[in-house]
PDB file of N, CA and C in Angstrom:
ATOM      1  N   MET A   1     -93.905 -41.747   8.518  1.00  0.00           N
ATOM      2  CA  MET A   1     -93.661 -40.644   7.623  1.00  0.00           C
ATOM      3  C   MET A   1     -92.486 -40.953   6.690  1.00  0.00           C
ATOM      4  N   VAL A   2     -91.402 -41.472   7.252  1.00  0.00           N
ATOM      5  CA  VAL A   2     -90.237 -41.792   6.422  1.00  0.00           C
ATOM      6  C   VAL A   2     -90.575 -42.901   5.434  1.00  0.00           C
ATOM      7  N   THR A   3     -91.311 -43.915   5.895  1.00  0.00           N
ATOM      8  CA  THR A   3     -91.726 -44.994   5.000  1.00  0.00           C
ATOM      9  C   THR A   3     -92.596 -44.446   3.877  1.00  0.00           C
ATOM     10  N   ASN A   4     -93.554 -43.606   4.217  1.00  0.00           N
ATOM     11  CA  ASN A   4     -94.431 -43.017   3.192  1.00  0.00           C
ATOM     12  C   ASN A   4     -93.635 -42.208   2.179  1.00  0.00           C
ATOM     13  N   LEU A   5     -92.662 -41.438   2.635  1.00  0.00           N
ATOM     14  CA  LEU A   5     -91.848 -40.651   1.712  1.00  0.00           C
ATOM     15  C   LEU A   5     -90.952 -41.541   0.853  1.00  0.00           C
ATOM     16  N   ALA A   6     -90.459 -42.646   1.421  1.00  0.00           N
ATOM     17  CA  ALA A   6     -89.659 -43.583   0.628  1.00  0.00           C
ATOM     18  C   ALA A   6     -90.500 -44.171  -0.500  1.00  0.00           C
ATOM     19  N   VAL A   7     -91.764 -44.430  -0.212  1.00  0.00           N
ATOM     20  CA  VAL A   7     -92.677 -44.970  -1.224  1.00  0.00           C
ATOM     21  C   VAL A   7     -93.024 -43.885  -2.248  1.00  0.00           C
ATOM     22  N   GLN A   8     -93.402 -42.701  -1.762  1.00  0.00           N
ATOM     23  CA  GLN A   8     -93.850 -41.622  -2.651  1.00  0.00           C
ATOM     24  C   GLN A   8     -92.711 -40.992  -3.451  1.00  0.00           C
ATOM     25  N   ALA A   9     -91.644 -40.600  -2.780  1.00  0.00           N
ATOM     26  CA  ALA A   9     -90.576 -39.862  -3.459  1.00  0.00           C
ATOM     27  C   ALA A   9     -89.574 -40.764  -4.161  1.00  0.00           C
ATOM     28  N   LEU A  10     -89.346 -41.960  -3.589  1.00  0.00           N
ATOM     29  CA  LEU A  10     -88.328 -42.853  -4.145  1.00  0.00           C
ATOM     30  C   LEU A  10     -88.900 -44.072  -4.849  1.00  0.00           C
ATOM     31  N   GLY A  11     -90.228 -44.255  -4.784  1.00  0.00           N
ATOM     32  CA  GLY A  11     -90.866 -45.365  -5.480  1.00  0.00           C
ATOM     33  C   GLY A  11     -90.588 -46.727  -4.874  1.00  0.00           C
ATOM     34  N   LYS A  12     -90.332 -46.769  -3.569  1.00  0.00           N
ATOM     35  CA  LYS A  12     -90.017 -48.042  -2.919  1.00  0.00           C
ATOM     36  C   LYS A  12     -91.285 -48.829  -2.608  1.00  0.00           C
ATOM     37  N   ASN A  13     -91.118 -50.131  -2.437  1.00  0.00           N
ATOM     38  CA  ASN A  13     -92.205 -51.066  -2.171  1.00  0.00           C
ATOM     39  C   ASN A  13     -92.624 -50.946  -0.703  1.00  0.00           C
ATOM     40  N   THR A  14     -93.853 -50.583  -0.448  1.00  0.00           N
ATOM     41  CA  THR A  14     -94.345 -50.414   0.919  1.00  0.00           C
ATOM     42  C   THR A  14     -94.114 -51.657   1.761  1.00  0.00           C
ATOM     43  N   ALA A  15     -94.398 -52.830   1.209  1.00  0.00           N
ATOM     44  CA  ALA A  15     -94.300 -54.079   1.965  1.00  0.00           C
ATOM     45  C   ALA A  15     -92.868 -54.407   2.388  1.00  0.00           C
ATOM     46  N   ALA A  16     -91.868 -53.899   1.663  1.00  0.00           N
ATOM     47  CA  ALA A  16     -90.469 -54.211   1.977  1.00  0.00           C
ATOM     48  C   ALA A  16     -89.755 -53.057   2.669  1.00  0.00           C
ATOM     49  N   ALA A  17     -90.442 -51.941   2.871  1.00  0.00           N
ATOM     50  CA  ALA A  17     -89.815 -50.774   3.507  1.00  0.00           C
ATOM     51  C   ALA A  17     -89.778 -50.959   5.017  1.00  0.00           C
ATOM     52  N   VAL A  18     -88.623 -50.741   5.605  1.00  0.00           N
ATOM     53  CA  VAL A  18     -88.430 -50.918   7.041  1.00  0.00           C
ATOM     54  C   VAL A  18     -87.926 -49.612   7.634  1.00  0.00           C
ATOM     55  N   ALA A  19     -88.495 -49.220   8.767  1.00  0.00           N
ATOM     56  CA  ALA A  19     -88.041 -48.018   9.472  1.00  0.00           C
ATOM     57  C   ALA A  19     -87.641 -48.401  10.886  1.00  0.00           C
ATOM     58  N   ASP A  20     -86.491 -47.898  11.311  1.00  0.00           N
ATOM     59  CA  ASP A  20     -85.999 -48.100  12.675  1.00  0.00           C
ATOM     60  C   ASP A  20     -85.868 -46.716  13.290  1.00  0.00           C
ATOM     61  N   VAL A  21     -86.737 -46.394  14.217  1.00  0.00           N
ATOM     62  CA  VAL A  21     -86.760 -45.061  14.832  1.00  0.00           C
ATOM     63  C   VAL A  21     -86.171 -45.164  16.235  1.00  0.00           C
ATOM     64  N   GLN A  22     -85.185 -44.334  16.493  1.00  0.00           N
ATOM     65  CA  GLN A  22     -84.545 -44.308  17.806  1.00  0.00           C
ATOM     66  C   GLN A  22     -84.450 -42.860  18.267  1.00  0.00           C
ATOM     67  N   PHE A  23     -84.765 -42.640  19.520  1.00  0.00           N
ATOM     68  CA  PHE A  23     -84.689 -41.300  20.088  1.00  0.00           C
ATOM     69  C   PHE A  23     -83.459 -41.195  20.971  1.00  0.00           C
ATOM     70  N   GLN A  24     -82.797 -40.057  20.893  1.00  0.00           N
ATOM     71  CA  GLN A  24     -81.600 -39.816  21.679  1.00  0.00           C
ATOM     72  C   GLN A  24     -81.860 -38.730  22.720  1.00  0.00           C
ATOM     73  N   ASP A  25     -81.188 -38.818  23.809  1.00  0.00           N
ATOM     74  CA  ASP A  25     -81.232 -37.786  24.837  1.00  0.00           C
ATOM     75  C   ASP A  25     -80.582 -36.524  24.261  1.00  0.00           C
ATOM     76  N   PRO A  26     -81.288 -35.389  24.235  1.00  0.00           N
ATOM     77  CA  PRO A  26     -80.715 -34.173  23.645  1.00  0.00           C
ATOM     78  C   PRO A  26     -79.424 -33.717  24.313  1.00  0.00           C
ATOM     79  N   SER A  27     -79.173 -34.168  25.527  1.00  0.00           N
ATOM     80  CA  SER A  27     -77.915 -33.780  26.175  1.00  0.00           C
ATOM     81  C   SER A  27     -76.726 -34.557  25.611  1.00  0.00           C
ATOM     82  N   THR A  28     -77.000 -35.615  24.831  1.00  0.00           N
ATOM     83  CA  THR A  28     -75.919 -36.393  24.220  1.00  0.00           C
ATOM     84  C   THR A  28     -75.788 -36.136  22.719  1.00  0.00           C
ATOM     85  N   TRP A  29     -76.558 -35.197  22.194  1.00  0.00           N
ATOM     86  CA  TRP A  29     -76.534 -34.862  20.762  1.00  0.00           C
ATOM     87  C   TRP A  29     -75.869 -33.497  20.628  1.00  0.00           C
ATOM     88  N   PHE A  30     -74.745 -33.454  19.925  1.00  0.00           N
ATOM     89  CA  PHE A  30     -73.965 -32.226  19.838  1.00  0.00           C
ATOM     90  C   PHE A  30     -73.872 -31.720  18.406  1.00  0.00           C
ATOM     91  N   VAL A  31     -74.017 -30.409  18.237  1.00  0.00           N
ATOM     92  CA  VAL A  31     -73.805 -29.738  16.960  1.00  0.00           C
ATOM     93  C   VAL A  31     -72.884 -28.565  17.246  1.00  0.00           C
ATOM     94  N   GLY A  32     -71.771 -28.507  16.541  1.00  0.00           N
ATOM     95  CA  GLY A  32     -70.821 -27.427  16.759  1.00  0.00           C
ATOM     96  C   GLY A  32     -70.240 -27.432  18.164  1.00  0.00           C
ATOM     97  N   GLY A  33     -70.169 -28.615  18.778  1.00  0.00           N
ATOM     98  CA  GLY A  33     -69.605 -28.747  20.102  1.00  0.00           C
ATOM     99  C   GLY A  33     -70.542 -28.392  21.239  1.00  0.00           C
ATOM    100  N   GLU A  34     -71.800 -28.073  20.932  1.00  0.00           N
ATOM    101  CA  GLU A  34     -72.765 -27.710  21.964  1.00  0.00           C
ATOM    102  C   GLU A  34     -73.957 -28.659  21.904  1.00  0.00           C
ATOM    103  N   SER A  35     -74.419 -29.089  23.074  1.00  0.00           N
ATOM    104  CA  SER A  35     -75.523 -30.049  23.100  1.00  0.00           C
ATOM    105  C   SER A  35     -76.819 -29.392  22.657  1.00  0.00           C
ATOM    106  N   MET A  36     -77.693 -30.200  22.076  1.00  0.00           N
ATOM    107  CA  MET A  36     -79.000 -29.704  21.642  1.00  0.00           C
ATOM    108  C   MET A  36     -79.785 -29.202  22.849  1.00  0.00           C
ATOM    109  N   LEU A  37     -79.599 -29.842  23.986  1.00  0.00           N
ATOM    110  CA  LEU A  37     -80.285 -29.429  25.207  1.00  0.00           C
ATOM    111  C   LEU A  37     -79.873 -28.006  25.586  1.00  0.00           C
ATOM    112  N   ALA A  38     -78.584 -27.724  25.548  1.00  0.00           N
ATOM    113  CA  ALA A  38     -78.090 -26.389  25.896  1.00  0.00           C
ATOM    114  C   ALA A  38     -78.554 -25.344  24.891  1.00  0.00           C
ATOM    115  N   LYS A  39     -78.682 -25.750  23.635  1.00  0.00           N
ATOM    116  CA  LYS A  39     -79.093 -24.818  22.581  1.00  0.00           C
ATOM    117  C   LYS A  39     -80.610 -24.675  22.491  1.00  0.00           C
ATOM    118  N   HIS A  40     -81.337 -25.566  23.184  1.00  0.00           N
ATOM    119  CA  HIS A  40     -82.806 -25.582  23.120  1.00  0.00           C
ATOM    120  C   HIS A  40     -83.281 -25.765  21.674  1.00  0.00           C
ATOM    121  N   GLU A  41     -82.619 -26.675  20.980  1.00  0.00           N
ATOM    122  CA  GLU A  41     -82.965 -26.981  19.599  1.00  0.00           C
ATOM    123  C   GLU A  41     -83.212 -28.482  19.454  1.00  0.00           C
ATOM    124  N   THR A  42     -83.796 -28.832  18.335  1.00  0.00           N
ATOM    125  CA  THR A  42     -84.056 -30.226  18.016  1.00  0.00           C
ATOM    126  C   THR A  42     -83.273 -30.582  16.761  1.00  0.00           C
ATOM    127  N   GLY A  43     -82.722 -31.764  16.743  1.00  0.00           N
ATOM    128  CA  GLY A  43     -82.016 -32.244  15.565  1.00  0.00           C
ATOM    129  C   GLY A  43     -82.474 -33.648  15.233  1.00  0.00           C
ATOM    130  N   PHE A  44     -82.138 -34.092  14.046  1.00  0.00           N
ATOM    131  CA  PHE A  44     -82.465 -35.465  13.650  1.00  0.00           C
ATOM    132  C   PHE A  44     -81.430 -35.974  12.679  1.00  0.00           C
ATOM    133  N   TYR A  45     -81.392 -37.272  12.543  1.00  0.00           N
ATOM    134  CA  TYR A  45     -80.502 -37.951  11.607  1.00  0.00           C
ATOM    135  C   TYR A  45     -81.295 -39.112  11.037  1.00  0.00           C
ATOM    136  N   VAL A  46     -81.548 -39.081   9.743  1.00  0.00           N
ATOM    137  CA  VAL A  46     -82.313 -40.133   9.076  1.00  0.00           C
ATOM    138  C   VAL A  46     -81.396 -40.800   8.063  1.00  0.00           C
ATOM    139  N   GLU A  47     -81.343 -42.118   8.117  1.00  0.00           N
ATOM    140  CA  GLU A  47     -80.579 -42.899   7.151  1.00  0.00           C
ATOM    141  C   GLU A  47     -81.526 -43.851   6.430  1.00  0.00           C
ATOM    142  N   ILE A  48     -81.318 -43.989   5.138  1.00  0.00           N
ATOM    143  CA  ILE A  48     -82.089 -44.958   4.363  1.00  0.00           C
ATOM    144  C   ILE A  48     -81.128 -45.634   3.393  1.00  0.00           C
ATOM    145  N   LYS A  49     -81.340 -46.912   3.189  1.00  0.00           N
ATOM    146  CA  LYS A  49     -80.539 -47.656   2.219  1.00  0.00           C
ATOM    147  C   LYS A  49     -81.441 -48.026   1.054  1.00  0.00           C
ATOM    148  N   VAL A  50     -80.949 -47.746  -0.147  1.00  0.00           N
ATOM    149  CA  VAL A  50     -81.676 -48.074  -1.369  1.00  0.00           C
ATOM    150  C   VAL A  50     -80.732 -48.812  -2.306  1.00  0.00           C
ATOM    151  N   THR A  51     -81.294 -49.557  -3.211  1.00  0.00           N
ATOM    152  CA  THR A  51     -80.483 -50.260  -4.194  1.00  0.00           C
ATOM    153  C   THR A  51     -79.899 -49.255  -5.178  1.00  0.00           C
ATOM    154  N   ALA A  52     -78.588 -49.309  -5.362  1.00  0.00           N
ATOM    155  CA  ALA A  52     -77.894 -48.388  -6.262  1.00  0.00           C
ATOM    156  C   ALA A  52     -78.518 -48.422  -7.651  1.00  0.00           C
ATOM    157  N   GLY A  53     -78.667 -47.249  -8.224  1.00  0.00           N
ATOM    158  CA  GLY A  53     -79.182 -47.140  -9.581  1.00  0.00           C
ATOM    159  C   GLY A  53     -80.697 -47.140  -9.692  1.00  0.00           C
ATOM    160  N   THR A  54     -81.407 -47.219  -8.571  1.00  0.00           N
ATOM    161  CA  THR A  54     -82.867 -47.279  -8.646  1.00  0.00           C
ATOM    162  C   THR A  54     -83.530 -45.921  -8.481  1.00  0.00           C
ATOM    163  N   ASN A  55     -82.737 -44.891  -8.176  1.00  0.00           N
ATOM    164  CA  ASN A  55     -83.303 -43.550  -8.017  1.00  0.00           C
ATOM    165  C   ASN A  55     -82.451 -42.510  -8.715  1.00  0.00           C
ATOM    166  N   THR A  56     -83.120 -41.494  -9.225  1.00  0.00           N
ATOM    167  CA  THR A  56     -82.414 -40.388  -9.863  1.00  0.00           C
ATOM    168  C   THR A  56     -81.952 -39.398  -8.792  1.00  0.00           C
ATOM    169  N   ARG A  57     -81.082 -38.499  -9.180  1.00  0.00           N
ATOM    170  CA  ARG A  57     -80.630 -37.450  -8.265  1.00  0.00           C
ATOM    171  C   ARG A  57     -81.800 -36.570  -7.849  1.00  0.00           C
ATOM    172  N   ASP A  58     -82.703 -36.313  -8.783  1.00  0.00           N
ATOM    173  CA  ASP A  58     -83.868 -35.487  -8.476  1.00  0.00           C
ATOM    174  C   ASP A  58     -84.782 -36.163  -7.451  1.00  0.00           C
ATOM    175  N   GLN A  59     -84.983 -37.469  -7.581  1.00  0.00           N
ATOM    176  CA  GLN A  59     -85.806 -38.204  -6.610  1.00  0.00           C
ATOM    177  C   GLN A  59     -85.164 -38.162  -5.221  1.00  0.00           C
ATOM    178  N   THR A  60     -83.865 -38.379  -5.183  1.00  0.00           N
ATOM    179  CA  THR A  60     -83.151 -38.354  -3.907  1.00  0.00           C
ATOM    180  C   THR A  60     -83.218 -36.968  -3.280  1.00  0.00           C
ATOM    181  N   ALA A  61     -83.004 -35.935  -4.080  1.00  0.00           N
ATOM    182  CA  ALA A  61     -83.074 -34.558  -3.568  1.00  0.00           C
ATOM    183  C   ALA A  61     -84.472 -34.250  -3.038  1.00  0.00           C
ATOM    184  N   ALA A  62     -85.495 -34.710  -3.735  1.00  0.00           N
ATOM    185  CA  ALA A  62     -86.873 -34.485  -3.283  1.00  0.00           C
ATOM    186  C   ALA A  62     -87.125 -35.208  -1.963  1.00  0.00           C
ATOM    187  N   PHE A  63     -86.607 -36.421  -1.832  1.00  0.00           N
ATOM    188  CA  PHE A  63     -86.765 -37.184  -0.600  1.00  0.00           C
ATOM    189  C   PHE A  63     -86.108 -36.452   0.573  1.00  0.00           C
ATOM    190  N   VAL A  64     -84.879 -36.010   0.384  1.00  0.00           N
ATOM    191  CA  VAL A  64     -84.157 -35.299   1.441  1.00  0.00           C
ATOM    192  C   VAL A  64     -84.924 -34.049   1.862  1.00  0.00           C
ATOM    193  N   LYS A  65     -85.381 -33.294   0.895  1.00  0.00           N
ATOM    194  CA  LYS A  65     -86.124 -32.055   1.168  1.00  0.00           C
ATOM    195  C   LYS A  65     -87.427 -32.351   1.923  1.00  0.00           C
ATOM    196  N   GLN A  66     -88.150 -33.357   1.467  1.00  0.00           N
ATOM    197  CA  GLN A  66     -89.439 -33.676   2.077  1.00  0.00           C
ATOM    198  C   GLN A  66     -89.282 -34.231   3.496  1.00  0.00           C
ATOM    199  N   VAL A  67     -88.242 -35.028   3.731  1.00  0.00           N
ATOM    200  CA  VAL A  67     -88.002 -35.520   5.088  1.00  0.00           C
ATOM    201  C   VAL A  67     -87.723 -34.345   6.011  1.00  0.00           C
ATOM    202  N   PHE A  68     -86.862 -33.420   5.569  1.00  0.00           N
ATOM    203  CA  PHE A  68     -86.547 -32.261   6.403  1.00  0.00           C
ATOM    204  C   PHE A  68     -87.811 -31.451   6.703  1.00  0.00           C
ATOM    205  N   GLU A  69     -88.611 -31.210   5.684  1.00  0.00           N
ATOM    206  CA  GLU A  69     -89.847 -30.440   5.875  1.00  0.00           C
ATOM    207  C   GLU A  69     -90.806 -31.144   6.843  1.00  0.00           C
ATOM    208  N   GLN A  70     -90.947 -32.455   6.706  1.00  0.00           N
ATOM    209  CA  GLN A  70     -91.845 -33.209   7.585  1.00  0.00           C
ATOM    210  C   GLN A  70     -91.334 -33.225   9.031  1.00  0.00           C
ATOM    211  N   MET A  71     -90.028 -33.392   9.199  1.00  0.00           N
ATOM    212  CA  MET A  71     -89.456 -33.366  10.550  1.00  0.00           C
ATOM    213  C   MET A  71     -89.634 -31.980  11.168  1.00  0.00           C
ATOM    214  N   GLN A  72     -89.479 -30.965  10.363  1.00  0.00           N
ATOM    215  CA  GLN A  72     -89.683 -29.594  10.844  1.00  0.00           C
ATOM    216  C   GLN A  72     -91.142 -29.393  11.263  1.00  0.00           C
ATOM    217  N   ALA A  73     -92.069 -29.963  10.498  1.00  0.00           N
ATOM    218  CA  ALA A  73     -93.496 -29.863  10.837  1.00  0.00           C
ATOM    219  C   ALA A  73     -93.805 -30.592  12.148  1.00  0.00           C
ATOM    220  N   ILE A  74     -93.130 -31.704  12.399  1.00  0.00           N
ATOM    221  CA  ILE A  74     -93.360 -32.487  13.612  1.00  0.00           C
ATOM    222  C   ILE A  74     -92.733 -31.821  14.833  1.00  0.00           C
ATOM    223  N   PHE A  75     -91.485 -31.395  14.709  1.00  0.00           N
ATOM    224  CA  PHE A  75     -90.724 -30.928  15.866  1.00  0.00           C
ATOM    225  C   PHE A  75     -90.617 -29.413  15.984  1.00  0.00           C
ATOM    226  N   GLY A  76     -91.105 -28.682  15.004  1.00  0.00           N
ATOM    227  CA  GLY A  76     -90.937 -27.231  15.033  1.00  0.00           C
ATOM    228  C   GLY A  76     -89.595 -26.858  14.451  1.00  0.00           C
ATOM    229  N   ASP A  77     -88.954 -25.878  15.035  1.00  0.00           N
ATOM    230  CA  ASP A  77     -87.660 -25.442  14.524  1.00  0.00           C
ATOM    231  C   ASP A  77     -86.599 -26.510  14.757  1.00  0.00           C
ATOM    232  N   VAL A  78     -86.093 -27.076  13.697  1.00  0.00           N
ATOM    233  CA  VAL A  78     -84.998 -28.028  13.808  1.00  0.00           C
ATOM    234  C   VAL A  78     -83.726 -27.370  13.302  1.00  0.00           C
ATOM    235  N   VAL A  79     -82.621 -27.784  13.879  1.00  0.00           N
ATOM    236  CA  VAL A  79     -81.332 -27.230  13.494  1.00  0.00           C
ATOM    237  C   VAL A  79     -81.036 -27.618  12.038  1.00  0.00           C
ATOM    238  N   ALA A  80     -80.467 -26.690  11.289  1.00  0.00           N
ATOM    239  CA  ALA A  80     -80.185 -26.921   9.865  1.00  0.00           C
ATOM    240  C   ALA A  80     -79.222 -28.078   9.652  1.00  0.00           C
ATOM    241  N   THR A  81     -78.382 -28.364  10.651  1.00  0.00           N
ATOM    242  CA  THR A  81     -77.432 -29.466  10.527  1.00  0.00           C
ATOM    243  C   THR A  81     -78.046 -30.799  10.936  1.00  0.00           C
ATOM    244  N   SER A  82     -79.322 -30.952  10.709  1.00  0.00           N
ATOM    245  CA  SER A  82     -79.983 -32.248  10.810  1.00  0.00           C
ATOM    246  C   SER A  82     -79.789 -32.927   9.453  1.00  0.00           C
ATOM    247  N   TYR A  83     -79.523 -34.211   9.475  1.00  0.00           N
ATOM    248  CA  TYR A  83     -79.107 -34.884   8.246  1.00  0.00           C
ATOM    249  C   TYR A  83     -80.070 -35.953   7.777  1.00  0.00           C
ATOM    250  N   VAL A  84     -80.158 -36.066   6.447  1.00  0.00           N
ATOM    251  CA  VAL A  84     -80.836 -37.168   5.786  1.00  0.00           C
ATOM    252  C   VAL A  84     -79.776 -37.797   4.887  1.00  0.00           C
ATOM    253  N   VAL A  85     -79.490 -39.070   5.111  1.00  0.00           N
ATOM    254  CA  VAL A  85     -78.450 -39.765   4.367  1.00  0.00           C
ATOM    255  C   VAL A  85     -79.090 -40.893   3.565  1.00  0.00           C
ATOM    256  N   VAL A  86     -78.895 -40.863   2.260  1.00  0.00           N
ATOM    257  CA  VAL A  86     -79.404 -41.922   1.388  1.00  0.00           C
ATOM    258  C   VAL A  86     -78.203 -42.738   0.910  1.00  0.00           C
ATOM    259  N   HIS A  87     -78.101 -43.965   1.409  1.00  0.00           N
ATOM    260  CA  HIS A  87     -77.011 -44.862   1.016  1.00  0.00           C
ATOM    261  C   HIS A  87     -77.458 -45.655  -0.203  1.00  0.00           C
ATOM    262  N   SER A  88     -76.698 -45.577  -1.286  1.00  0.00           N
ATOM    263  CA  SER A  88     -76.948 -46.408  -2.464  1.00  0.00           C
ATOM    264  C   SER A  88     -76.062 -47.636  -2.353  1.00  0.00           C
ATOM    265  N   VAL A  89     -76.688 -48.786  -2.154  1.00  0.00           N
ATOM    266  CA  VAL A  89     -75.969 -50.032  -1.925  1.00  0.00           C
ATOM    267  C   VAL A  89     -76.065 -50.903  -3.178  1.00  0.00           C
ATOM    268  N   ASP A  90     -74.935 -51.422  -3.612  1.00  0.00           N
ATOM    269  CA  ASP A  90     -74.912 -52.298  -4.777  1.00  0.00           C
ATOM    270  C   ASP A  90     -75.866 -53.473  -4.568  1.00  0.00           C
ATOM    271  N   SER A  91     -76.599 -53.817  -5.597  1.00  0.00           N
ATOM    272  CA  SER A  91     -77.648 -54.846  -5.492  1.00  0.00           C
ATOM    273  C   SER A  91     -77.125 -56.230  -5.110  1.00  0.00           C
ATOM    274  N   ALA A  92     -75.854 -56.488  -5.378  1.00  0.00           N
ATOM    275  CA  ALA A  92     -75.278 -57.790  -5.019  1.00  0.00           C
ATOM    276  C   ALA A  92     -74.853 -57.827  -3.545  1.00  0.00           C
ATOM    277  N   ASN A  93     -74.873 -56.670  -2.891  1.00  0.00           N
ATOM    278  CA  ASN A  93     -74.345 -56.583  -1.531  1.00  0.00           C
ATOM    279  C   ASN A  93     -75.395 -56.471  -0.446  1.00  0.00           C
ATOM    280  N   TRP A  94     -76.653 -56.613  -0.804  1.00  0.00           N
ATOM    281  CA  TRP A  94     -77.676 -56.608   0.244  1.00  0.00           C
ATOM    282  C   TRP A  94     -78.963 -57.204  -0.275  1.00  0.00           C
ATOM    283  N   GLY A  95     -79.820 -57.560   0.655  1.00  0.00           N
ATOM    284  CA  GLY A  95     -81.104 -58.140   0.299  1.00  0.00           C
ATOM    285  C   GLY A  95     -81.881 -58.468   1.554  1.00  0.00           C
ATOM    286  N   TYR A  96     -82.935 -59.221   1.393  1.00  0.00           N
ATOM    287  CA  TYR A  96     -83.760 -59.644   2.525  1.00  0.00           C
ATOM    288  C   TYR A  96     -84.396 -60.979   2.177  1.00  0.00           C
ATOM    289  N   GLY A  97     -84.863 -61.675   3.186  1.00  0.00           N
ATOM    290  CA  GLY A  97     -85.493 -62.974   2.966  1.00  0.00           C
ATOM    291  C   GLY A  97     -84.561 -64.001   2.355  1.00  0.00           C
ATOM    292  N   GLY A  98     -83.254 -63.812   2.544  1.00  0.00           N
ATOM    293  CA  GLY A  98     -82.283 -64.767   2.023  1.00  0.00           C
ATOM    294  C   GLY A  98     -81.927 -64.590   0.564  1.00  0.00           C
ATOM    295  N   GLN A  99     -82.400 -63.505  -0.064  1.00  0.00           N
ATOM    296  CA  GLN A  99     -82.085 -63.252  -1.468  1.00  0.00           C
ATOM    297  C   GLN A  99     -81.554 -61.833  -1.628  1.00  0.00           C
ATOM    298  N   THR A 100     -80.507 -61.698  -2.424  1.00  0.00           N
ATOM    299  CA  THR A 100     -79.982 -60.366  -2.685  1.00  0.00           C
ATOM    300  C   THR A 100     -80.926 -59.615  -3.639  1.00  0.00           C
ATOM    301  N   GLN A 101     -80.780 -58.338  -3.672  1.00  0.00           N
ATOM    302  CA  GLN A 101     -81.554 -57.530  -4.610  1.00  0.00           C
ATOM    303  C   GLN A 101     -81.180 -57.901  -6.055  1.00  0.00           C
ATOM    304  N   GLU A 102     -79.917 -58.223  -6.270  1.00  0.00           N
ATOM    305  CA  GLU A 102     -79.444 -58.656  -7.592  1.00  0.00           C
ATOM    306  C   GLU A 102     -80.187 -59.910  -8.030  1.00  0.00           C
ATOM    307  N   TYR A 103     -80.307 -60.886  -7.138  1.00  0.00           N
ATOM    308  CA  TYR A 103     -81.032 -62.121  -7.427  1.00  0.00           C
ATOM    309  C   TYR A 103     -82.482 -61.805  -7.789  1.00  0.00           C
ATOM    310  N   ARG A 104     -83.098 -60.951  -7.021  1.00  0.00           N
ATOM    311  CA  ARG A 104     -84.502 -60.580  -7.288  1.00  0.00           C
ATOM    312  C   ARG A 104     -84.640 -59.952  -8.677  1.00  0.00           C
ATOM    313  N   TYR A 105     -83.694 -59.099  -9.030  1.00  0.00           N
ATOM    314  CA  TYR A 105     -83.743 -58.438 -10.336  1.00  0.00           C
ATOM    315  C   TYR A 105     -83.589 -59.470 -11.468  1.00  0.00           C
ATOM    316  N   ILE A 106     -82.613 -60.333 -11.345  1.00  0.00           N
ATOM    317  CA  ILE A 106     -82.349 -61.319 -12.396  1.00  0.00           C
ATOM    318  C   ILE A 106     -83.509 -62.297 -12.561  1.00  0.00           C
ATOM    319  N   HIS A 107     -84.089 -62.693 -11.443  1.00  0.00           N
ATOM    320  CA  HIS A 107     -85.148 -63.701 -11.483  1.00  0.00           C
ATOM    321  C   HIS A 107     -86.569 -63.111 -11.493  1.00  0.00           C
ATOM    322  N   GLY A 108     -86.645 -61.810 -11.656  1.00  0.00           N
ATOM    323  CA  GLY A 108     -87.943 -61.145 -11.802  1.00  0.00           C
ATOM    324  C   GLY A 108     -88.769 -61.199 -10.566  1.00  0.00           C
TER     325      GLY A 108
END
């Protein structure tokens, strides 16, 4: 779902999109000092890294909204303090396959 939204809302390349999904014990997840287990609520934290300057504020806002809506559809009532974080990383500071995003841009 996150990969699909990254492709649809942010225009990312499906073949290069990577998702790392990890589940946490609700007794170790705290909001406002109270565990999710005690509150009988579900929370989530989604992080994505994108190349800086490749998305507009509107695209990012749509992605955040759609992730929240999809997570809510999957888990039911999720706590409002569930987060979606979009990190904009300078193109010279990251890459894959041994090439930075900057290199890919310059060399087409």
